[in-house]
Amino acid sequence: MSASAGGSLTPEPIGGRRRASRTNAEWTAATVATLTRHARVEFGSRGYAQALVERICSEAGLTKGALYYHFGSKRGLFEAVIRDVERDIVERIEARADALDDVAGCRPRRFCGVPRCRDR
């Protein structure tokens, strides 16, 4: 540790280099992702009624204040988890459909309504 101009001790950078500090948007995204990831496990294993905000925050290493700041409530967090799960399902379906297009030479998504579909 080294003394700064104000006399307080500051940690030395690891490996002799200073890490670039995160922007507020990066901290927010990391916090939201961490809470959502841990909530997904909690809701998935215990269900909504038995899931505890305290346990989610403890596992995530964050405060309940952070959870309520970003999601407003347990329900808001649950809704974010549902959106996250929906996004994963859609990505898996699209990946499988793309694989079918490549393997079978067919176009199973012809009338699916997916905006990126090549056969529209």
PDB file of N, CA and C in Angstrom:
ATOM      1  N   MET A   1       0.841  -1.170   0.000  1.00  0.00           N
ATOM      2  CA  MET A   1       0.000   0.000   0.000  1.00  0.00           C
ATOM      3  C   MET A   1       0.886   1.232   0.000  1.00  0.00           C
ATOM      4  N   SER A   2       0.354   2.284  -0.572  1.00  0.00           N
ATOM      5  CA  SER A   2       1.103   3.532  -0.596  1.00  0.00           C
ATOM      6  C   SER A   2       0.234   4.648  -0.046  1.00  0.00           C
ATOM      7  N   ALA A   3       0.895   5.667   0.468  1.00  0.00           N
ATOM      8  CA  ALA A   3       0.165   6.804   1.029  1.00  0.00           C
ATOM      9  C   ALA A   3      -0.161   7.788  -0.085  1.00  0.00           C
ATOM     10  N   SER A   4      -1.407   8.256  -0.084  1.00  0.00           N
ATOM     11  CA  SER A   4      -1.801   9.259  -1.074  1.00  0.00           C
ATOM     12  C   SER A   4      -1.514  10.649  -0.512  1.00  0.00           C
ATOM     13  N   ALA A   5      -1.803  11.673  -1.298  1.00  0.00           N
ATOM     14  CA  ALA A   5      -1.521  13.046  -0.884  1.00  0.00           C
ATOM     15  C   ALA A   5      -2.248  13.406   0.410  1.00  0.00           C
ATOM     16  N   GLY A   6      -3.410  12.817   0.635  1.00  0.00           N
ATOM     17  CA  GLY A   6      -4.176  13.107   1.829  1.00  0.00           C
ATOM     18  C   GLY A   6      -3.742  12.285   3.024  1.00  0.00           C
ATOM     19  N   GLY A   7      -2.757  11.421   2.861  1.00  0.00           N
ATOM     20  CA  GLY A   7      -2.249  10.618   3.952  1.00  0.00           C
ATOM     21  C   GLY A   7      -2.931   9.265   4.113  1.00  0.00           C
ATOM     22  N   SER A   8      -3.995   8.984   3.360  1.00  0.00           N
ATOM     23  CA  SER A   8      -4.667   7.693   3.498  1.00  0.00           C
ATOM     24  C   SER A   8      -3.940   6.650   2.657  1.00  0.00           C
ATOM     25  N   LEU A   9      -4.113   5.412   3.037  1.00  0.00           N
ATOM     26  CA  LEU A   9      -3.472   4.316   2.315  1.00  0.00           C
ATOM     27  C   LEU A   9      -4.352   3.890   1.152  1.00  0.00           C
ATOM     28  N   THR A  10      -3.730   3.675   0.003  1.00  0.00           N
ATOM     29  CA  THR A  10      -4.454   3.180  -1.165  1.00  0.00           C
ATOM     30  C   THR A  10      -3.785   1.902  -1.620  1.00  0.00           C
ATOM     31  N   PRO A  11      -4.573   0.917  -2.060  1.00  0.00           N
ATOM     32  CA  PRO A  11      -3.986  -0.343  -2.501  1.00  0.00           C
ATOM     33  C   PRO A  11      -3.176  -0.161  -3.780  1.00  0.00           C
ATOM     34  N   GLU A  12      -2.110  -0.911  -3.868  1.00  0.00           N
ATOM     35  CA  GLU A  12      -1.298  -0.905  -5.089  1.00  0.00           C
ATOM     36  C   GLU A  12      -2.047  -1.658  -6.185  1.00  0.00           C
ATOM     37  N   PRO A  13      -1.926  -1.230  -7.430  1.00  0.00           N
ATOM     38  CA  PRO A  13      -2.571  -1.965  -8.508  1.00  0.00           C
ATOM     39  C   PRO A  13      -1.957  -3.357  -8.644  1.00  0.00           C
ATOM     40  N   ILE A  14      -2.785  -4.335  -8.940  1.00  0.00           N
ATOM     41  CA  ILE A  14      -2.326  -5.705  -9.117  1.00  0.00           C
ATOM     42  C   ILE A  14      -1.567  -5.798 -10.431  1.00  0.00           C
ATOM     43  N   GLY A  15      -0.427  -6.442 -10.408  1.00  0.00           N
ATOM     44  CA  GLY A  15       0.362  -6.611 -11.616  1.00  0.00           C
ATOM     45  C   GLY A  15       0.969  -5.319 -12.117  1.00  0.00           C
ATOM     46  N   GLY A  16       1.011  -4.286 -11.291  1.00  0.00           N
ATOM     47  CA  GLY A  16       1.632  -3.033 -11.693  1.00  0.00           C
ATOM     48  C   GLY A  16       0.781  -2.179 -12.609  1.00  0.00           C
ATOM     49  N   ARG A  17      -0.439  -2.627 -12.928  1.00  0.00           N
ATOM     50  CA  ARG A  17      -1.301  -1.861 -13.825  1.00  0.00           C
ATOM     51  C   ARG A  17      -2.585  -1.492 -13.103  1.00  0.00           C
ATOM     52  N   ARG A  18      -3.082  -0.334 -13.412  1.00  0.00           N
ATOM     53  CA  ARG A  18      -4.389   0.066 -12.875  1.00  0.00           C
ATOM     54  C   ARG A  18      -5.484  -0.486 -13.777  1.00  0.00           C
ATOM     55  N   ARG A  19      -6.533  -0.986 -13.130  1.00  0.00           N
ATOM     56  CA  ARG A  19      -7.683  -1.449 -13.902  1.00  0.00           C
ATOM     57  C   ARG A  19      -8.499  -0.236 -14.333  1.00  0.00           C
ATOM     58  N   ALA A  20      -9.028  -0.317 -15.538  1.00  0.00           N
ATOM     59  CA  ALA A  20      -9.903   0.753 -16.001  1.00  0.00           C
ATOM     60  C   ALA A  20     -11.178   0.719 -15.165  1.00  0.00           C
ATOM     61  N   SER A  21     -11.625   1.871 -14.713  1.00  0.00           N
ATOM     62  CA  SER A  21     -12.836   1.899 -13.904  1.00  0.00           C
ATOM     63  C   SER A  21     -14.050   1.716 -14.803  1.00  0.00           C
ATOM     64  N   ARG A  22     -15.104   1.159 -14.225  1.00  0.00           N
ATOM     65  CA  ARG A  22     -16.338   0.936 -14.957  1.00  0.00           C
ATOM     66  C   ARG A  22     -17.155   2.218 -15.013  1.00  0.00           C
ATOM     67  N   THR A  23     -17.917   2.321 -16.075  1.00  0.00           N
ATOM     68  CA  THR A  23     -18.864   3.431 -16.158  1.00  0.00           C
ATOM     69  C   THR A  23     -20.096   3.078 -15.330  1.00  0.00           C
ATOM     70  N   ASN A  24     -20.914   4.067 -15.056  1.00  0.00           N
ATOM     71  CA  ASN A  24     -22.142   3.824 -14.303  1.00  0.00           C
ATOM     72  C   ASN A  24     -23.028   2.810 -15.029  1.00  0.00           C
ATOM     73  N   ALA A  25     -23.103   2.923 -16.348  1.00  0.00           N
ATOM     74  CA  ALA A  25     -23.920   1.985 -17.129  1.00  0.00           C
ATOM     75  C   ALA A  25     -23.387   0.562 -17.013  1.00  0.00           C
ATOM     76  N   GLU A  26     -22.064   0.415 -16.982  1.00  0.00           N
ATOM     77  CA  GLU A  26     -21.463  -0.920 -16.835  1.00  0.00           C
ATOM     78  C   GLU A  26     -21.747  -1.499 -15.449  1.00  0.00           C
ATOM     79  N   TRP A  27     -21.667  -0.661 -14.404  1.00  0.00           N
ATOM     80  CA  TRP A  27     -21.988  -1.130 -13.047  1.00  0.00           C
ATOM     81  C   TRP A  27     -23.451  -1.550 -12.979  1.00  0.00           C
ATOM     82  N   THR A  28     -24.321  -0.749 -13.574  1.00  0.00           N
ATOM     83  CA  THR A  28     -25.752  -1.062 -13.567  1.00  0.00           C
ATOM     84  C   THR A  28     -26.014  -2.383 -14.276  1.00  0.00           C
ATOM     85  N   ALA A  29     -25.449  -2.544 -15.457  1.00  0.00           N
ATOM     86  CA  ALA A  29     -25.649  -3.779 -16.216  1.00  0.00           C
ATOM     87  C   ALA A  29     -25.130  -4.991 -15.444  1.00  0.00           C
ATOM     88  N   ALA A  30     -23.979  -4.855 -14.808  1.00  0.00           N
ATOM     89  CA  ALA A  30     -23.413  -5.964 -14.031  1.00  0.00           C
ATOM     90  C   ALA A  30     -24.289  -6.296 -12.829  1.00  0.00           C
ATOM     91  N   THR A  31     -24.796  -5.279 -12.154  1.00  0.00           N
ATOM     92  CA  THR A  31     -25.661  -5.495 -10.990  1.00  0.00           C
ATOM     93  C   THR A  31     -26.959  -6.172 -11.395  1.00  0.00           C
ATOM     94  N   VAL A  32     -27.585  -5.684 -12.450  1.00  0.00           N
ATOM     95  CA  VAL A  32     -28.837  -6.262 -12.934  1.00  0.00           C
ATOM     96  C   VAL A  32     -28.616  -7.707 -13.373  1.00  0.00           C
ATOM     97  N   ALA A  33     -27.540  -7.968 -14.098  1.00  0.00           N
ATOM     98  CA  ALA A  33     -27.254  -9.332 -14.558  1.00  0.00           C
ATOM     99  C   ALA A  33     -27.006 -10.272 -13.381  1.00  0.00           C
ATOM    100  N   THR A  34     -26.270  -9.816 -12.383  1.00  0.00           N
ATOM    101  CA  THR A  34     -25.981 -10.646 -11.217  1.00  0.00           C
ATOM    102  C   THR A  34     -27.260 -10.973 -10.454  1.00  0.00           C
ATOM    103  N   LEU A  35     -28.077  -9.963 -10.195  1.00  0.00           N
ATOM    104  CA  LEU A  35     -29.323 -10.200  -9.482  1.00  0.00           C
ATOM    105  C   LEU A  35     -30.246 -11.124 -10.269  1.00  0.00           C
ATOM    106  N   THR A  36     -30.349 -10.908 -11.557  1.00  0.00           N
ATOM    107  CA  THR A  36     -31.216 -11.732 -12.398  1.00  0.00           C
ATOM    108  C   THR A  36     -30.738 -13.182 -12.418  1.00  0.00           C
ATOM    109  N   ARG A  37     -29.432 -13.381 -12.542  1.00  0.00           N
ATOM    110  CA  ARG A  37     -28.871 -14.739 -12.564  1.00  0.00           C
ATOM    111  C   ARG A  37     -29.178 -15.483 -11.262  1.00  0.00           C
ATOM    112  N   HIS A  38     -28.964 -14.837 -10.128  1.00  0.00           N
ATOM    113  CA  HIS A  38     -29.212 -15.485  -8.841  1.00  0.00           C
ATOM    114  C   HIS A  38     -30.707 -15.667  -8.579  1.00  0.00           C
ATOM    115  N   ALA A  39     -31.515 -14.709  -9.020  1.00  0.00           N
ATOM    116  CA  ALA A  39     -32.960 -14.834  -8.855  1.00  0.00           C
ATOM    117  C   ALA A  39     -33.510 -15.969  -9.704  1.00  0.00           C
ATOM    118  N   ARG A  40     -32.938 -16.157 -10.859  1.00  0.00           N
ATOM    119  CA  ARG A  40     -33.390 -17.247 -11.735  1.00  0.00           C
ATOM    120  C   ARG A  40     -33.202 -18.594 -11.049  1.00  0.00           C
ATOM    121  N   VAL A  41     -32.085 -18.758 -10.384  1.00  0.00           N
ATOM    122  CA  VAL A  41     -31.828 -19.998  -9.638  1.00  0.00           C
ATOM    123  C   VAL A  41     -32.811 -20.122  -8.473  1.00  0.00           C
ATOM    124  N   GLU A  42     -32.978 -19.049  -7.720  1.00  0.00           N
ATOM    125  CA  GLU A  42     -33.864 -19.062  -6.549  1.00  0.00           C
ATOM    126  C   GLU A  42     -35.311 -19.335  -6.950  1.00  0.00           C
ATOM    127  N   PHE A  43     -35.825 -18.615  -7.935  1.00  0.00           N
ATOM    128  CA  PHE A  43     -37.207 -18.827  -8.364  1.00  0.00           C
ATOM    129  C   PHE A  43     -37.377 -20.209  -8.985  1.00  0.00           C
ATOM    130  N   GLY A  44     -36.375 -20.644  -9.735  1.00  0.00           N
ATOM    131  CA  GLY A  44     -36.461 -21.952 -10.376  1.00  0.00           C
ATOM    132  C   GLY A  44     -36.457 -23.104  -9.392  1.00  0.00           C
ATOM    133  N   SER A  45     -35.721 -22.973  -8.327  1.00  0.00           N
ATOM    134  CA  SER A  45     -35.625 -24.082  -7.366  1.00  0.00           C
ATOM    135  C   SER A  45     -36.693 -24.015  -6.278  1.00  0.00           C
ATOM    136  N   ARG A  46     -37.178 -22.838  -5.936  1.00  0.00           N
ATOM    137  CA  ARG A  46     -38.114 -22.706  -4.810  1.00  0.00           C
ATOM    138  C   ARG A  46     -39.506 -22.216  -5.204  1.00  0.00           C
ATOM    139  N   GLY A  47     -39.636 -21.674  -6.410  1.00  0.00           N
ATOM    140  CA  GLY A  47     -40.911 -21.078  -6.792  1.00  0.00           C
ATOM    141  C   GLY A  47     -40.999 -19.654  -6.278  1.00  0.00           C
ATOM    142  N   TYR A  48     -41.939 -18.902  -6.820  1.00  0.00           N
ATOM    143  CA  TYR A  48     -42.065 -17.491  -6.473  1.00  0.00           C
ATOM    144  C   TYR A  48     -42.370 -17.293  -4.990  1.00  0.00           C
ATOM    145  N   ALA A  49     -43.349 -18.017  -4.471  1.00  0.00           N
ATOM    146  CA  ALA A  49     -43.797 -17.797  -3.092  1.00  0.00           C
ATOM    147  C   ALA A  49     -42.712 -18.104  -2.061  1.00  0.00           C
ATOM    148  N   GLN A  50     -41.911 -19.122  -2.303  1.00  0.00           N
ATOM    149  CA  GLN A  50     -40.894 -19.528  -1.343  1.00  0.00           C
ATOM    150  C   GLN A  50     -39.538 -18.850  -1.563  1.00  0.00           C
ATOM    151  N   ALA A  51     -39.373 -18.171  -2.678  1.00  0.00           N
ATOM    152  CA  ALA A  51     -38.117 -17.462  -2.952  1.00  0.00           C
ATOM    153  C   ALA A  51     -37.992 -16.277  -2.000  1.00  0.00           C
ATOM    154  N   LEU A  52     -36.805 -16.075  -1.477  1.00  0.00           N
ATOM    155  CA  LEU A  52     -36.569 -14.986  -0.537  1.00  0.00           C
ATOM    156  C   LEU A  52     -35.624 -13.951  -1.138  1.00  0.00           C
ATOM    157  N   VAL A  53     -36.041 -12.702  -1.097  1.00  0.00           N
ATOM    158  CA  VAL A  53     -35.221 -11.598  -1.575  1.00  0.00           C
ATOM    159  C   VAL A  53     -33.890 -11.576  -0.817  1.00  0.00           C
ATOM    160  N   GLU A  54     -33.941 -11.821   0.478  1.00  0.00           N
ATOM    161  CA  GLU A  54     -32.726 -11.830   1.302  1.00  0.00           C
ATOM    162  C   GLU A  54     -31.717 -12.864   0.804  1.00  0.00           C
ATOM    163  N   ARG A  55     -32.220 -14.056   0.441  1.00  0.00           N
ATOM    164  CA  ARG A  55     -31.336 -15.117  -0.036  1.00  0.00           C
ATOM    165  C   ARG A  55     -30.748 -14.760  -1.405  1.00  0.00           C
ATOM    166  N   ILE A  56     -31.561 -14.198  -2.275  1.00  0.00           N
ATOM    167  CA  ILE A  56     -31.079 -13.786  -3.605  1.00  0.00           C
ATOM    168  C   ILE A  56     -29.955 -12.768  -3.446  1.00  0.00           C
ATOM    169  N   CYS A  57     -30.188 -11.761  -2.618  1.00  0.00           N
ATOM    170  CA  CYS A  57     -29.188 -10.705  -2.421  1.00  0.00           C
ATOM    171  C   CYS A  57     -27.925 -11.246  -1.769  1.00  0.00           C
ATOM    172  N   SER A  58     -28.083 -12.122  -0.792  1.00  0.00           N
ATOM    173  CA  SER A  58     -26.933 -12.710  -0.116  1.00  0.00           C
ATOM    174  C   SER A  58     -26.082 -13.512  -1.100  1.00  0.00           C
ATOM    175  N   GLU A  59     -26.728 -14.340  -1.902  1.00  0.00           N
ATOM    176  CA  GLU A  59     -26.003 -15.150  -2.896  1.00  0.00           C
ATOM    177  C   GLU A  59     -25.323 -14.266  -3.942  1.00  0.00           C
ATOM    178  N   ALA A  60     -25.972 -13.155  -4.290  1.00  0.00           N
ATOM    179  CA  ALA A  60     -25.427 -12.243  -5.302  1.00  0.00           C
ATOM    180  C   ALA A  60     -24.348 -11.331  -4.730  1.00  0.00           C
ATOM    181  N   GLY A  61     -24.271 -11.262  -3.389  1.00  0.00           N
ATOM    182  CA  GLY A  61     -23.303 -10.361  -2.767  1.00  0.00           C
ATOM    183  C   GLY A  61     -23.711  -8.905  -2.891  1.00  0.00           C
ATOM    184  N   LEU A  62     -25.017  -8.656  -2.943  1.00  0.00           N
ATOM    185  CA  LEU A  62     -25.543  -7.305  -3.098  1.00  0.00           C
ATOM    186  C   LEU A  62     -26.578  -7.028  -2.017  1.00  0.00           C
ATOM    187  N   THR A  63     -26.973  -5.788  -1.890  1.00  0.00           N
ATOM    188  CA  THR A  63     -27.940  -5.402  -0.870  1.00  0.00           C
ATOM    189  C   THR A  63     -29.366  -5.469  -1.416  1.00  0.00           C
ATOM    190  N   LYS A  64     -30.320  -5.545  -0.491  1.00  0.00           N
ATOM    191  CA  LYS A  64     -31.725  -5.475  -0.896  1.00  0.00           C
ATOM    192  C   LYS A  64     -32.015  -4.118  -1.531  1.00  0.00           C
ATOM    193  N   GLY A  65     -31.322  -3.091  -1.069  1.00  0.00           N
ATOM    194  CA  GLY A  65     -31.494  -1.770  -1.663  1.00  0.00           C
ATOM    195  C   GLY A  65     -31.180  -1.773  -3.148  1.00  0.00           C
ATOM    196  N   ALA A  66     -30.137  -2.506  -3.539  1.00  0.00           N
ATOM    197  CA  ALA A  66     -29.783  -2.596  -4.962  1.00  0.00           C
ATOM    198  C   ALA A  66     -30.896  -3.289  -5.740  1.00  0.00           C
ATOM    199  N   LEU A  67     -31.441  -4.343  -5.158  1.00  0.00           N
ATOM    200  CA  LEU A  67     -32.533  -5.066  -5.820  1.00  0.00           C
ATOM    201  C   LEU A  67     -33.737  -4.150  -6.011  1.00  0.00           C
ATOM    202  N   TYR A  68     -34.146  -3.466  -4.942  1.00  0.00           N
ATOM    203  CA  TYR A  68     -35.320  -2.609  -5.032  1.00  0.00           C
ATOM    204  C   TYR A  68     -35.065  -1.384  -5.915  1.00  0.00           C
ATOM    205  N   TYR A  69     -33.837  -0.903  -5.958  1.00  0.00           N
ATOM    206  CA  TYR A  69     -33.507   0.229  -6.821  1.00  0.00           C
ATOM    207  C   TYR A  69     -33.686  -0.153  -8.292  1.00  0.00           C
ATOM    208  N   HIS A  70     -33.197  -1.328  -8.673  1.00  0.00           N
ATOM    209  CA  HIS A  70     -33.209  -1.737 -10.078  1.00  0.00           C
ATOM    210  C   HIS A  70     -34.519  -2.383 -10.519  1.00  0.00           C
ATOM    211  N   PHE A  71     -35.228  -3.047  -9.596  1.00  0.00           N
ATOM    212  CA  PHE A  71     -36.419  -3.800  -9.992  1.00  0.00           C
ATOM    213  C   PHE A  71     -37.703  -3.337  -9.301  1.00  0.00           C
ATOM    214  N   GLY A  72     -37.594  -2.563  -8.249  1.00  0.00           N
ATOM    215  CA  GLY A  72     -38.770  -2.035  -7.570  1.00  0.00           C
ATOM    216  C   GLY A  72     -39.413  -2.963  -6.564  1.00  0.00           C
ATOM    217  N   SER A  73     -39.394  -4.257  -6.845  1.00  0.00           N
ATOM    218  CA  SER A  73     -40.051  -5.223  -5.975  1.00  0.00           C
ATOM    219  C   SER A  73     -39.604  -6.635  -6.354  1.00  0.00           C
ATOM    220  N   LYS A  74     -40.018  -7.584  -5.533  1.00  0.00           N
ATOM    221  CA  LYS A  74     -39.770  -8.996  -5.846  1.00  0.00           C
ATOM    222  C   LYS A  74     -40.464  -9.349  -7.166  1.00  0.00           C
ATOM    223  N   ARG A  75     -41.666  -8.827  -7.344  1.00  0.00           N
ATOM    224  CA  ARG A  75     -42.405  -9.088  -8.581  1.00  0.00           C
ATOM    225  C   ARG A  75     -41.669  -8.523  -9.794  1.00  0.00           C
ATOM    226  N   GLY A  76     -41.119  -7.309  -9.658  1.00  0.00           N
ATOM    227  CA  GLY A  76     -40.356  -6.718 -10.754  1.00  0.00           C
ATOM    228  C   GLY A  76     -39.148  -7.564 -11.125  1.00  0.00           C
ATOM    229  N   LEU A  77     -38.487  -8.111 -10.111  1.00  0.00           N
ATOM    230  CA  LEU A  77     -37.354  -9.002 -10.360  1.00  0.00           C
ATOM    231  C   LEU A  77     -37.822 -10.277 -11.047  1.00  0.00           C
ATOM    232  N   PHE A  78     -38.934 -10.832 -10.594  1.00  0.00           N
ATOM    233  CA  PHE A  78     -39.487 -12.041 -11.198  1.00  0.00           C
ATOM    234  C   PHE A  78     -39.826 -11.800 -12.670  1.00  0.00           C
ATOM    235  N   GLU A  79     -40.422 -10.648 -12.964  1.00  0.00           N
ATOM    236  CA  GLU A  79     -40.757 -10.318 -14.358  1.00  0.00           C
ATOM    237  C   GLU A  79     -39.493 -10.210 -15.210  1.00  0.00           C
ATOM    238  N   ALA A  80     -38.410  -9.673 -14.648  1.00  0.00           N
ATOM    239  CA  ALA A  80     -37.138  -9.605 -15.380  1.00  0.00           C
ATOM    240  C   ALA A  80     -36.595 -11.005 -15.646  1.00  0.00           C
ATOM    241  N   VAL A  81     -36.758 -11.903 -14.680  1.00  0.00           N
ATOM    242  CA  VAL A  81     -36.316 -13.288 -14.852  1.00  0.00           C
ATOM    243  C   VAL A  81     -37.127 -13.951 -15.965  1.00  0.00           C
ATOM    244  N   ILE A  82     -38.434 -13.724 -15.982  1.00  0.00           N
ATOM    245  CA  ILE A  82     -39.286 -14.300 -17.026  1.00  0.00           C
ATOM    246  C   ILE A  82     -38.850 -13.803 -18.407  1.00  0.00           C
ATOM    247  N   ARG A  83     -38.576 -12.499 -18.525  1.00  0.00           N
ATOM    248  CA  ARG A  83     -38.096 -11.957 -19.809  1.00  0.00           C
ATOM    249  C   ARG A  83     -36.771 -12.605 -20.212  1.00  0.00           C
ATOM    250  N   ASP A  84     -35.895 -12.825 -19.243  1.00  0.00           N
ATOM    251  CA  ASP A  84     -34.604 -13.454 -19.494  1.00  0.00           C
ATOM    252  C   ASP A  84     -34.800 -14.891 -19.994  1.00  0.00           C
ATOM    253  N   VAL A  85     -35.687 -15.628 -19.359  1.00  0.00           N
ATOM    254  CA  VAL A  85     -35.976 -17.006 -19.770  1.00  0.00           C
ATOM    255  C   VAL A  85     -36.590 -17.019 -21.168  1.00  0.00           C
ATOM    256  N   GLU A  86     -37.532 -16.113 -21.423  1.00  0.00           N
ATOM    257  CA  GLU A  86     -38.135 -16.022 -22.764  1.00  0.00           C
ATOM    258  C   GLU A  86     -37.078 -15.778 -23.828  1.00  0.00           C
ATOM    259  N   ARG A  87     -36.156 -14.861 -23.547  1.00  0.00           N
ATOM    260  CA  ARG A  87     -35.088 -14.534 -24.495  1.00  0.00           C
ATOM    261  C   ARG A  87     -34.236 -15.777 -24.776  1.00  0.00           C
ATOM    262  N   ASP A  88     -33.906 -16.534 -23.734  1.00  0.00           N
ATOM    263  CA  ASP A  88     -33.119 -17.752 -23.920  1.00  0.00           C
ATOM    264  C   ASP A  88     -33.863 -18.774 -24.773  1.00  0.00           C
ATOM    265  N   ILE A  89     -35.157 -18.923 -24.531  1.00  0.00           N
ATOM    266  CA  ILE A  89     -35.961 -19.887 -25.301  1.00  0.00           C
ATOM    267  C   ILE A  89     -36.002 -19.489 -26.769  1.00  0.00           C
ATOM    268  N   VAL A  90     -36.238 -18.208 -27.048  1.00  0.00           N
ATOM    269  CA  VAL A  90     -36.294 -17.738 -28.434  1.00  0.00           C
ATOM    270  C   VAL A  90     -34.947 -17.964 -29.125  1.00  0.00           C
ATOM    271  N   GLU A  91     -33.851 -17.660 -28.431  1.00  0.00           N
ATOM    272  CA  GLU A  91     -32.524 -17.867 -29.019  1.00  0.00           C
ATOM    273  C   GLU A  91     -32.284 -19.342 -29.335  1.00  0.00           C
ATOM    274  N   ARG A  92     -32.706 -20.230 -28.451  1.00  0.00           N
ATOM    275  CA  ARG A  92     -32.537 -21.673 -28.702  1.00  0.00           C
ATOM    276  C   ARG A  92     -33.374 -22.132 -29.886  1.00  0.00           C
ATOM    277  N   ILE A  93     -34.614 -21.657 -29.967  1.00  0.00           N
ATOM    278  CA  ILE A  93     -35.484 -22.026 -31.084  1.00  0.00           C
ATOM    279  C   ILE A  93     -34.887 -21.532 -32.395  1.00  0.00           C
ATOM    280  N   GLU A  94     -34.413 -20.282 -32.415  1.00  0.00           N
ATOM    281  CA  GLU A  94     -33.825 -19.741 -33.636  1.00  0.00           C
ATOM    282  C   GLU A  94     -32.567 -20.499 -34.039  1.00  0.00           C
ATOM    283  N   ALA A  95     -31.747 -20.873 -33.055  1.00  0.00           N
ATOM    284  CA  ALA A  95     -30.534 -21.640 -33.361  1.00  0.00           C
ATOM    285  C   ALA A  95     -30.890 -23.005 -33.956  1.00  0.00           C
ATOM    286  N   ARG A  96     -31.902 -23.650 -33.390  1.00  0.00           N
ATOM    287  CA  ARG A  96     -32.328 -24.952 -33.921  1.00  0.00           C
ATOM    288  C   ARG A  96     -32.899 -24.802 -35.323  1.00  0.00           C
ATOM    289  N   ALA A  97     -33.692 -23.741 -35.546  1.00  0.00           N
ATOM    290  CA  ALA A  97     -34.271 -23.504 -36.863  1.00  0.00           C
ATOM    291  C   ALA A  97     -33.176 -23.223 -37.884  1.00  0.00           C
ATOM    292  N   ASP A  98     -32.167 -22.454 -37.497  1.00  0.00           N
ATOM    293  CA  ASP A  98     -31.046 -22.191 -38.397  1.00  0.00           C
ATOM    294  C   ASP A  98     -30.314 -23.484 -38.730  1.00  0.00           C
ATOM    295  N   ALA A  99     -30.147 -24.355 -37.740  1.00  0.00           N
ATOM    296  CA  ALA A  99     -29.473 -25.638 -37.976  1.00  0.00           C
ATOM    297  C   ALA A  99     -30.297 -26.491 -38.937  1.00  0.00           C
ATOM    298  N   LEU A 100     -31.614 -26.473 -38.810  1.00  0.00           N
ATOM    299  CA  LEU A 100     -32.467 -27.222 -39.734  1.00  0.00           C
ATOM    300  C   LEU A 100     -32.343 -26.679 -41.143  1.00  0.00           C
ATOM    301  N   ASP A 101     -32.299 -25.366 -41.276  1.00  0.00           N
ATOM    302  CA  ASP A 101     -32.123 -24.758 -42.593  1.00  0.00           C
ATOM    303  C   ASP A 101     -30.835 -25.254 -43.232  1.00  0.00           C
ATOM    304  N   ASP A 102     -29.762 -25.287 -42.459  1.00  0.00           N
ATOM    305  CA  ASP A 102     -28.462 -25.660 -42.993  1.00  0.00           C
ATOM    306  C   ASP A 102     -28.382 -27.153 -43.306  1.00  0.00           C
ATOM    307  N   VAL A 103     -28.953 -27.975 -42.468  1.00  0.00           N
ATOM    308  CA  VAL A 103     -28.823 -29.430 -42.622  1.00  0.00           C
ATOM    309  C   VAL A 103     -29.777 -29.975 -43.665  1.00  0.00           C
ATOM    310  N   ALA A 104     -31.032 -29.633 -43.564  1.00  0.00           N
ATOM    311  CA  ALA A 104     -32.040 -30.232 -44.428  1.00  0.00           C
ATOM    312  C   ALA A 104     -32.232 -29.479 -45.740  1.00  0.00           C
ATOM    313  N   GLY A 105     -31.713 -28.279 -45.828  1.00  0.00           N
ATOM    314  CA  GLY A 105     -31.898 -27.506 -47.042  1.00  0.00           C
ATOM    315  C   GLY A 105     -33.319 -26.981 -47.195  1.00  0.00           C
ATOM    316  N   CYS A 106     -34.097 -27.108 -46.145  1.00  0.00           N
ATOM    317  CA  CYS A 106     -35.474 -26.618 -46.207  1.00  0.00           C
ATOM    318  C   CYS A 106     -35.570 -25.277 -45.505  1.00  0.00           C
ATOM    319  N   ARG A 107     -36.726 -24.692 -45.578  1.00  0.00           N
ATOM    320  CA  ARG A 107     -36.953 -23.396 -44.941  1.00  0.00           C
ATOM    321  C   ARG A 107     -38.144 -23.514 -43.995  1.00  0.00           C
ATOM    322  N   PRO A 108     -37.954 -24.131 -42.822  1.00  0.00           N
ATOM    323  CA  PRO A 108     -39.088 -24.345 -41.916  1.00  0.00           C
ATOM    324  C   PRO A 108     -39.654 -23.066 -41.335  1.00  0.00           C
ATOM    325  N   ARG A 109     -38.941 -21.944 -41.431  1.00  0.00           N
ATOM    326  CA  ARG A 109     -39.420 -20.699 -40.841  1.00  0.00           C
ATOM    327  C   ARG A 109     -40.155 -19.829 -41.858  1.00  0.00           C
ATOM    328  N   ARG A 110     -40.516 -20.393 -42.980  1.00  0.00           N
ATOM    329  CA  ARG A 110     -41.081 -19.595 -44.073  1.00  0.00           C
ATOM    330  C   ARG A 110     -42.232 -18.699 -43.631  1.00  0.00           C
ATOM    331  N   PHE A 111     -43.145 -19.222 -42.868  1.00  0.00           N
ATOM    332  CA  PHE A 111     -44.309 -18.449 -42.463  1.00  0.00           C
ATOM    333  C   PHE A 111     -44.351 -18.209 -40.959  1.00  0.00           C
ATOM    334  N   CYS A 112     -43.192 -18.192 -40.339  1.00  0.00           N
ATOM    335  CA  CYS A 112     -43.150 -18.096 -38.877  1.00  0.00           C
ATOM    336  C   CYS A 112     -43.327 -16.673 -38.363  1.00  0.00           C
ATOM    337  N   GLY A 113     -43.092 -15.687 -39.175  1.00  0.00           N
ATOM    338  CA  GLY A 113     -43.242 -14.310 -38.729  1.00  0.00           C
ATOM    339  C   GLY A 113     -41.996 -13.733 -38.092  1.00  0.00           C
ATOM    340  N   VAL A 114     -40.903 -14.471 -38.086  1.00  0.00           N
ATOM    341  CA  VAL A 114     -39.660 -13.955 -37.531  1.00  0.00           C
ATOM    342  C   VAL A 114     -39.117 -12.908 -38.501  1.00  0.00           C
ATOM    343  N   PRO A 115     -38.868 -11.683 -38.023  1.00  0.00           N
ATOM    344  CA  PRO A 115     -38.451 -10.604 -38.927  1.00  0.00           C
ATOM    345  C   PRO A 115     -37.172 -10.920 -39.710  1.00  0.00           C
ATOM    346  N   ARG A 116     -36.257 -11.710 -39.135  1.00  0.00           N
ATOM    347  CA  ARG A 116     -34.989 -11.984 -39.819  1.00  0.00           C
ATOM    348  C   ARG A 116     -35.095 -13.123 -40.814  1.00  0.00           C
ATOM    349  N   CYS A 117     -36.241 -13.768 -40.918  1.00  0.00           N
ATOM    350  CA  CYS A 117     -36.383 -14.957 -41.743  1.00  0.00           C
ATOM    351  C   CYS A 117     -36.012 -14.643 -43.194  1.00  0.00           C
ATOM    352  N   ARG A 118     -35.179 -15.492 -43.771  1.00  0.00           N
ATOM    353  CA  ARG A 118     -34.698 -15.288 -45.127  1.00  0.00           C
ATOM    354  C   ARG A 118     -35.783 -15.529 -46.178  1.00  0.00           C
ATOM    355  N   ASP A 119     -36.828 -16.272 -45.816  1.00  0.00           N
ATOM    356  CA  ASP A 119     -37.827 -16.660 -46.813  1.00  0.00           C
ATOM    357  C   ASP A 119     -39.054 -15.780 -46.824  1.00  0.00           C
ATOM    358  N   ARG A 120     -39.003 -14.647 -46.181  1.00  0.00           N
ATOM    359  CA  ARG A 120     -40.182 -13.800 -46.151  1.00  0.00           C
ATOM    360  C   ARG A 120     -40.246 -12.974 -47.404  1.00  0.00           C
TER     361      ARG A 120
END
